[in-house]
Amino acid sequence: KCTPIISAVKGIRAGDLEVGDKLLVRIVDRREVGRYLADLISTEDQQIAIGVIDQIYFNEDSKRYTLMIEFGPNIYGKLLIDSEVKLALAHELNKNNNNQEAKELSTTMVQLDISRSLLFLFSILIILIIILFYLI
């Protein structure tokens, strides 16, 4: 059992999806076997997995799509999606990870910059103490 990750701004409408597109999907199966498979195929702690669209069916009466998602060899999920819903593609996860890494790197650089400043100030303080010691 799985549900799609919805991305109202950057996502792609269900009607525009094609076989082979990679979607972000949350695994919601609470059975033991479902949790086990979710742990194997998930990319994050939140049970988010990347699945490849294997088949697309459209129901004219309900105006909904049924997507067969492949997570691995013989591991499939099924999504029932309204035609206007925008779904998150796998590359959005990579962008979020890159943004997080950039923020962490920026924080580290700021910490290093502060450390350099403190080292510089400490060096000046030691030099002043040495000069004062020789003057006395």
N, C-alpha and C. Protein backbone atom coordinates (compact mmCIF):
# COMPACT_ATOMS: atom_id res chain seq x y z
N LYS A 1 0.85 -1.18 0.00
CA LYS A 1 0.00 0.00 0.00
C LYS A 1 0.89 1.23 0.00
N CYS A 2 0.54 2.18 -0.85
CA CYS A 2 1.34 3.40 -0.94
C CYS A 2 0.45 4.58 -1.32
N THR A 3 0.94 5.77 -1.00
CA THR A 3 0.24 6.99 -1.39
C THR A 3 1.25 7.91 -2.09
N PRO A 4 0.77 8.73 -3.00
CA PRO A 4 1.70 9.61 -3.71
C PRO A 4 2.12 10.79 -2.85
N ILE A 5 3.28 11.33 -3.14
CA ILE A 5 3.71 12.58 -2.54
C ILE A 5 3.23 13.68 -3.48
N ILE A 6 2.40 14.57 -2.95
CA ILE A 6 1.80 15.63 -3.77
C ILE A 6 2.69 16.87 -3.72
N SER A 7 2.92 17.46 -4.87
CA SER A 7 3.71 18.68 -4.99
C SER A 7 2.91 19.67 -5.84
N ALA A 8 2.10 20.49 -5.17
CA ALA A 8 1.18 21.37 -5.88
C ALA A 8 1.87 22.41 -6.75
N VAL A 9 3.08 22.80 -6.39
CA VAL A 9 3.77 23.85 -7.15
C VAL A 9 4.68 23.27 -8.23
N LYS A 10 5.56 22.36 -7.85
CA LYS A 10 6.57 21.87 -8.79
C LYS A 10 6.24 20.50 -9.37
N GLY A 11 5.13 19.94 -8.97
CA GLY A 11 4.78 18.60 -9.43
C GLY A 11 4.28 18.57 -10.85
N ILE A 12 3.99 17.36 -11.31
CA ILE A 12 3.48 17.15 -12.66
C ILE A 12 2.10 16.50 -12.54
N ARG A 13 1.15 16.98 -13.34
CA ARG A 13 -0.21 16.46 -13.29
C ARG A 13 -0.22 14.99 -13.67
N ALA A 14 -1.14 14.25 -13.07
CA ALA A 14 -1.24 12.82 -13.35
C ALA A 14 -1.47 12.56 -14.83
N GLY A 15 -2.22 13.42 -15.49
CA GLY A 15 -2.49 13.26 -16.91
C GLY A 15 -1.27 13.45 -17.80
N ASP A 16 -0.23 14.08 -17.28
CA ASP A 16 0.98 14.33 -18.06
C ASP A 16 2.08 13.31 -17.78
N LEU A 17 1.82 12.38 -16.89
CA LEU A 17 2.83 11.36 -16.56
C LEU A 17 2.97 10.36 -17.70
N GLU A 18 4.14 9.75 -17.77
CA GLU A 18 4.41 8.74 -18.78
C GLU A 18 5.02 7.51 -18.12
N VAL A 19 4.88 6.37 -18.79
CA VAL A 19 5.53 5.15 -18.31
C VAL A 19 7.03 5.42 -18.26
N GLY A 20 7.64 5.04 -17.14
CA GLY A 20 9.08 5.26 -16.95
C GLY A 20 9.40 6.44 -16.06
N ASP A 21 8.42 7.34 -15.82
CA ASP A 21 8.66 8.46 -14.92
C ASP A 21 8.89 7.94 -13.51
N LYS A 22 9.76 8.62 -12.77
CA LYS A 22 10.06 8.22 -11.39
C LYS A 22 9.31 9.14 -10.43
N LEU A 23 8.49 8.54 -9.57
CA LEU A 23 7.67 9.28 -8.61
C LEU A 23 8.16 9.06 -7.19
N LEU A 24 7.87 10.05 -6.34
CA LEU A 24 8.06 9.87 -4.91
C LEU A 24 6.77 9.33 -4.32
N VAL A 25 6.89 8.27 -3.55
CA VAL A 25 5.72 7.59 -3.01
C VAL A 25 5.99 7.27 -1.54
N ARG A 26 4.98 7.46 -0.70
CA ARG A 26 5.11 7.10 0.72
C ARG A 26 4.50 5.71 0.92
N ILE A 27 5.26 4.84 1.53
CA ILE A 27 4.79 3.48 1.82
C ILE A 27 3.97 3.55 3.11
N VAL A 28 2.70 3.13 3.03
CA VAL A 28 1.81 3.22 4.19
C VAL A 28 1.31 1.86 4.66
N ASP A 29 1.83 0.81 4.10
CA ASP A 29 1.41 -0.54 4.49
C ASP A 29 1.93 -0.83 5.90
N ARG A 30 1.05 -1.09 6.84
CA ARG A 30 1.43 -1.31 8.24
C ARG A 30 1.57 -2.78 8.60
N ARG A 31 1.35 -3.65 7.62
CA ARG A 31 1.59 -5.06 7.88
C ARG A 31 3.09 -5.30 8.03
N GLU A 32 3.46 -6.38 8.65
CA GLU A 32 4.88 -6.66 8.87
C GLU A 32 5.64 -6.75 7.56
N VAL A 33 5.08 -7.44 6.58
CA VAL A 33 5.75 -7.56 5.29
C VAL A 33 5.83 -6.20 4.59
N GLY A 34 4.81 -5.37 4.76
CA GLY A 34 4.82 -4.04 4.17
C GLY A 34 5.89 -3.15 4.79
N ARG A 35 6.02 -3.21 6.11
CA ARG A 35 7.06 -2.43 6.79
C ARG A 35 8.45 -2.91 6.38
N TYR A 36 8.60 -4.23 6.24
CA TYR A 36 9.89 -4.79 5.84
C TYR A 36 10.27 -4.30 4.45
N LEU A 37 9.34 -4.38 3.51
CA LEU A 37 9.62 -3.92 2.15
C LEU A 37 9.87 -2.41 2.13
N ALA A 38 9.12 -1.67 2.93
CA ALA A 38 9.31 -0.22 2.99
C ALA A 38 10.72 0.12 3.48
N ASP A 39 11.20 -0.62 4.47
CA ASP A 39 12.56 -0.38 4.97
C ASP A 39 13.60 -0.68 3.89
N LEU A 40 13.33 -1.67 3.06
CA LEU A 40 14.29 -2.04 2.01
C LEU A 40 14.34 -1.01 0.88
N ILE A 41 13.20 -0.45 0.51
CA ILE A 41 13.16 0.40 -0.68
C ILE A 41 13.05 1.88 -0.37
N SER A 42 12.91 2.25 0.89
CA SER A 42 12.73 3.66 1.24
C SER A 42 14.04 4.42 1.16
N THR A 43 13.92 5.72 0.84
CA THR A 43 15.09 6.58 0.74
C THR A 43 15.31 7.41 2.00
N GLU A 44 14.31 7.52 2.85
CA GLU A 44 14.40 8.34 4.05
C GLU A 44 13.73 7.63 5.21
N ASP A 45 13.84 8.24 6.39
CA ASP A 45 13.20 7.69 7.58
C ASP A 45 11.68 7.75 7.49
N GLN A 46 11.15 8.59 6.62
CA GLN A 46 9.71 8.81 6.55
C GLN A 46 9.02 7.83 5.62
N GLN A 47 9.68 6.73 5.28
CA GLN A 47 9.11 5.70 4.40
C GLN A 47 8.79 6.24 3.02
N ILE A 48 9.64 7.12 2.50
CA ILE A 48 9.48 7.63 1.14
C ILE A 48 10.34 6.79 0.21
N ALA A 49 9.73 6.34 -0.88
CA ALA A 49 10.45 5.51 -1.85
C ALA A 49 10.32 6.13 -3.24
N ILE A 50 11.25 5.76 -4.10
CA ILE A 50 11.18 6.18 -5.50
C ILE A 50 10.67 5.00 -6.30
N GLY A 51 9.58 5.21 -7.01
CA GLY A 51 9.00 4.16 -7.83
C GLY A 51 8.93 4.59 -9.29
N VAL A 52 9.03 3.63 -10.17
CA VAL A 52 8.98 3.89 -11.61
C VAL A 52 7.60 3.48 -12.12
N ILE A 53 6.95 4.37 -12.87
CA ILE A 53 5.63 4.05 -13.41
C ILE A 53 5.77 2.93 -14.43
N ASP A 54 5.06 1.83 -14.18
CA ASP A 54 5.11 0.66 -15.06
C ASP A 54 3.93 0.64 -16.03
N GLN A 55 2.75 1.03 -15.52
CA GLN A 55 1.54 1.04 -16.35
C GLN A 55 0.65 2.20 -15.91
N ILE A 56 -0.09 2.75 -16.87
CA ILE A 56 -1.03 3.84 -16.59
C ILE A 56 -2.38 3.47 -17.19
N TYR A 57 -3.41 3.51 -16.35
CA TYR A 57 -4.78 3.27 -16.81
C TYR A 57 -5.61 4.50 -16.48
N PHE A 58 -6.53 4.88 -17.39
CA PHE A 58 -7.41 6.01 -17.15
C PHE A 58 -8.85 5.52 -17.17
N ASN A 59 -9.61 5.85 -16.13
CA ASN A 59 -11.02 5.50 -16.03
C ASN A 59 -11.84 6.72 -16.45
N GLU A 60 -12.50 6.62 -17.58
CA GLU A 60 -13.29 7.74 -18.12
C GLU A 60 -14.42 8.15 -17.19
N ASP A 61 -15.06 7.17 -16.54
CA ASP A 61 -16.21 7.48 -15.68
C ASP A 61 -15.80 8.29 -14.46
N SER A 62 -14.74 7.88 -13.79
CA SER A 62 -14.33 8.56 -12.56
C SER A 62 -13.31 9.67 -12.81
N LYS A 63 -12.77 9.74 -14.03
CA LYS A 63 -11.73 10.71 -14.38
C LYS A 63 -10.51 10.56 -13.48
N ARG A 64 -10.17 9.31 -13.19
CA ARG A 64 -9.01 9.01 -12.34
C ARG A 64 -8.05 8.09 -13.06
N TYR A 65 -6.80 8.22 -12.64
CA TYR A 65 -5.75 7.35 -13.18
C TYR A 65 -5.38 6.29 -12.15
N THR A 66 -5.11 5.11 -12.64
CA THR A 66 -4.53 4.06 -11.82
C THR A 66 -3.11 3.86 -12.33
N LEU A 67 -2.15 4.05 -11.44
CA LEU A 67 -0.75 3.91 -11.80
C LEU A 67 -0.18 2.67 -11.13
N MET A 68 0.45 1.82 -11.91
CA MET A 68 1.18 0.69 -11.36
C MET A 68 2.63 1.14 -11.22
N ILE A 69 3.13 1.10 -10.01
CA ILE A 69 4.47 1.59 -9.70
C ILE A 69 5.38 0.41 -9.37
N GLU A 70 6.54 0.38 -10.00
CA GLU A 70 7.52 -0.67 -9.71
C GLU A 70 8.62 -0.09 -8.82
N PHE A 71 8.85 -0.75 -7.68
CA PHE A 71 9.88 -0.33 -6.74
C PHE A 71 11.15 -1.16 -6.88
N GLY A 72 11.00 -2.33 -7.41
CA GLY A 72 12.12 -3.24 -7.58
C GLY A 72 11.62 -4.47 -8.30
N PRO A 73 12.49 -5.46 -8.48
CA PRO A 73 12.05 -6.68 -9.16
C PRO A 73 10.87 -7.32 -8.42
N ASN A 74 9.75 -7.40 -9.09
CA ASN A 74 8.52 -8.01 -8.55
C ASN A 74 7.99 -7.32 -7.30
N ILE A 75 8.31 -6.06 -7.10
CA ILE A 75 7.76 -5.27 -5.99
C ILE A 75 6.99 -4.11 -6.62
N TYR A 76 5.66 -4.17 -6.50
CA TYR A 76 4.80 -3.19 -7.15
C TYR A 76 3.86 -2.54 -6.15
N GLY A 77 3.41 -1.36 -6.49
CA GLY A 77 2.38 -0.66 -5.75
C GLY A 77 1.37 -0.10 -6.73
N LYS A 78 0.22 0.27 -6.22
CA LYS A 78 -0.83 0.81 -7.09
C LYS A 78 -1.32 2.12 -6.49
N LEU A 79 -1.43 3.14 -7.34
CA LEU A 79 -1.93 4.45 -6.93
C LEU A 79 -3.19 4.78 -7.71
N LEU A 80 -4.17 5.34 -7.03
CA LEU A 80 -5.39 5.83 -7.67
C LEU A 80 -5.36 7.35 -7.52
N ILE A 81 -5.27 8.06 -8.66
CA ILE A 81 -5.01 9.50 -8.65
C ILE A 81 -6.04 10.24 -9.48
N ASP A 82 -6.53 11.37 -8.94
CA ASP A 82 -7.38 12.27 -9.72
C ASP A 82 -6.54 12.92 -10.81
N SER A 83 -7.13 13.20 -11.95
CA SER A 83 -6.36 13.66 -13.11
C SER A 83 -5.68 15.02 -12.92
N GLU A 84 -6.18 15.85 -12.01
CA GLU A 84 -5.61 17.19 -11.84
C GLU A 84 -4.59 17.29 -10.72
N VAL A 85 -4.38 16.22 -9.98
CA VAL A 85 -3.43 16.23 -8.87
C VAL A 85 -2.01 16.28 -9.42
N LYS A 86 -1.16 17.12 -8.81
CA LYS A 86 0.24 17.21 -9.23
C LYS A 86 1.09 16.36 -8.28
N LEU A 87 1.90 15.50 -8.86
CA LEU A 87 2.70 14.56 -8.09
C LEU A 87 4.18 14.95 -8.11
N ALA A 88 4.86 14.63 -7.02
CA ALA A 88 6.29 14.92 -6.92
C ALA A 88 7.09 13.87 -7.67
N LEU A 89 8.02 14.34 -8.47
CA LEU A 89 8.92 13.44 -9.18
C LEU A 89 10.18 13.22 -8.34
N ALA A 90 10.92 12.18 -8.66
CA ALA A 90 12.09 11.80 -7.87
C ALA A 90 13.16 12.88 -7.85
N HIS A 91 13.29 13.66 -8.91
CA HIS A 91 14.34 14.69 -8.93
C HIS A 91 14.09 15.77 -7.88
N GLU A 92 12.84 15.93 -7.40
CA GLU A 92 12.57 16.90 -6.33
C GLU A 92 13.24 16.48 -5.03
N LEU A 93 13.31 15.17 -4.78
CA LEU A 93 13.98 14.67 -3.59
C LEU A 93 15.46 15.01 -3.66
N ASN A 94 16.06 14.85 -4.83
CA ASN A 94 17.47 15.17 -5.00
C ASN A 94 17.72 16.66 -4.78
N LYS A 95 16.80 17.52 -5.28
CA LYS A 95 16.95 18.96 -5.08
C LYS A 95 16.88 19.30 -3.60
N ASN A 96 15.93 18.68 -2.89
CA ASN A 96 15.80 18.94 -1.46
C ASN A 96 17.05 18.50 -0.71
N ASN A 97 17.60 17.33 -1.09
CA ASN A 97 18.83 16.85 -0.45
C ASN A 97 19.98 17.79 -0.74
N ASN A 98 20.08 18.28 -1.99
CA ASN A 98 21.15 19.22 -2.35
C ASN A 98 21.01 20.51 -1.57
N ASN A 99 19.77 21.01 -1.41
CA ASN A 99 19.54 22.23 -0.63
C ASN A 99 19.96 22.02 0.82
N GLN A 100 19.63 20.87 1.39
CA GLN A 100 20.00 20.57 2.77
C GLN A 100 21.51 20.51 2.91
N GLU A 101 22.19 19.85 1.95
CA GLU A 101 23.65 19.77 2.00
C GLU A 101 24.27 21.16 1.88
N ALA A 102 23.71 22.01 1.03
CA ALA A 102 24.23 23.37 0.87
C ALA A 102 24.08 24.16 2.16
N LYS A 103 22.93 24.00 2.84
CA LYS A 103 22.72 24.69 4.11
C LYS A 103 23.72 24.22 5.16
N GLU A 104 23.96 22.90 5.22
CA GLU A 104 24.92 22.36 6.18
C GLU A 104 26.32 22.86 5.88
N LEU A 105 26.70 22.90 4.60
CA LEU A 105 28.01 23.40 4.21
C LEU A 105 28.16 24.87 4.58
N SER A 106 27.11 25.66 4.34
CA SER A 106 27.14 27.07 4.68
C SER A 106 27.31 27.27 6.18
N THR A 107 26.60 26.48 6.97
CA THR A 107 26.73 26.55 8.42
C THR A 107 28.14 26.21 8.85
N THR A 108 28.71 25.18 8.25
CA THR A 108 30.08 24.77 8.59
C THR A 108 31.06 25.88 8.23
N MET A 109 30.87 26.51 7.06
CA MET A 109 31.76 27.59 6.65
C MET A 109 31.68 28.77 7.60
N VAL A 110 30.47 29.10 8.07
CA VAL A 110 30.31 30.19 9.03
C VAL A 110 31.02 29.84 10.32
N GLN A 111 30.89 28.59 10.76
CA GLN A 111 31.56 28.17 11.99
C GLN A 111 33.08 28.26 11.83
N LEU A 112 33.60 27.87 10.66
CA LEU A 112 35.03 27.98 10.41
C LEU A 112 35.47 29.43 10.39
N ASP A 113 34.65 30.29 9.80
CA ASP A 113 34.98 31.71 9.73
C ASP A 113 35.03 32.30 11.13
N ILE A 114 34.09 31.93 11.98
CA ILE A 114 34.08 32.39 13.36
C ILE A 114 35.32 31.88 14.08
N SER A 115 35.68 30.63 13.84
CA SER A 115 36.86 30.05 14.48
C SER A 115 38.11 30.81 14.05
N ARG A 116 38.22 31.16 12.79
CA ARG A 116 39.38 31.92 12.31
C ARG A 116 39.43 33.30 12.97
N SER A 117 38.27 33.92 13.09
CA SER A 117 38.22 35.24 13.72
C SER A 117 38.65 35.16 15.17
N LEU A 118 38.16 34.16 15.87
CA LEU A 118 38.55 33.99 17.27
C LEU A 118 40.03 33.69 17.39
N LEU A 119 40.57 32.89 16.51
CA LEU A 119 42.00 32.58 16.52
C LEU A 119 42.81 33.84 16.28
N PHE A 120 42.38 34.67 15.34
CA PHE A 120 43.07 35.92 15.05
C PHE A 120 43.05 36.84 16.27
N LEU A 121 41.88 37.00 16.88
CA LEU A 121 41.76 37.86 18.07
C LEU A 121 42.60 37.32 19.23
N PHE A 122 42.60 36.02 19.40
CA PHE A 122 43.39 35.40 20.46
C PHE A 122 44.88 35.63 20.22
N SER A 123 45.31 35.54 18.96
CA SER A 123 46.72 35.78 18.62
C SER A 123 47.11 37.22 18.92
N ILE A 124 46.25 38.16 18.57
CA ILE A 124 46.53 39.57 18.86
C ILE A 124 46.60 39.79 20.36
N LEU A 125 45.72 39.17 21.11
CA LEU A 125 45.73 39.30 22.57
C LEU A 125 47.04 38.77 23.14
N ILE A 126 47.52 37.66 22.67
CA ILE A 126 48.78 37.09 23.16
C ILE A 126 49.95 38.02 22.82
N ILE A 127 49.94 38.56 21.61
CA ILE A 127 51.01 39.49 21.21
C ILE A 127 50.99 40.73 22.10
N LEU A 128 49.80 41.26 22.40
CA LEU A 128 49.70 42.43 23.28
C LEU A 128 50.19 42.10 24.69
N ILE A 129 49.88 40.93 25.18
CA ILE A 129 50.33 40.53 26.52
C ILE A 129 51.86 40.42 26.54
N ILE A 130 52.43 39.85 25.49
CA ILE A 130 53.90 39.73 25.42
C ILE A 130 54.55 41.11 25.37
N ILE A 131 54.00 42.02 24.57
CA ILE A 131 54.54 43.38 24.48
C ILE A 131 54.44 44.08 25.82
N LEU A 132 53.30 43.97 26.49
CA LEU A 132 53.13 44.59 27.81
C LEU A 132 54.09 43.98 28.83
N PHE A 133 54.34 42.70 28.75
CA PHE A 133 55.25 42.02 29.68
C PHE A 133 56.67 42.56 29.51
N TYR A 134 57.11 42.80 28.26
CA TYR A 134 58.45 43.31 28.03
C TYR A 134 58.56 44.80 28.37
N LEU A 135 57.48 45.52 28.32
CA LEU A 135 57.51 46.94 28.65
C LEU A 135 57.57 47.17 30.16
N ILE A 136 57.13 46.25 30.92
CA ILE A 136 57.09 46.42 32.37
C ILE A 136 58.36 46.01 32.98
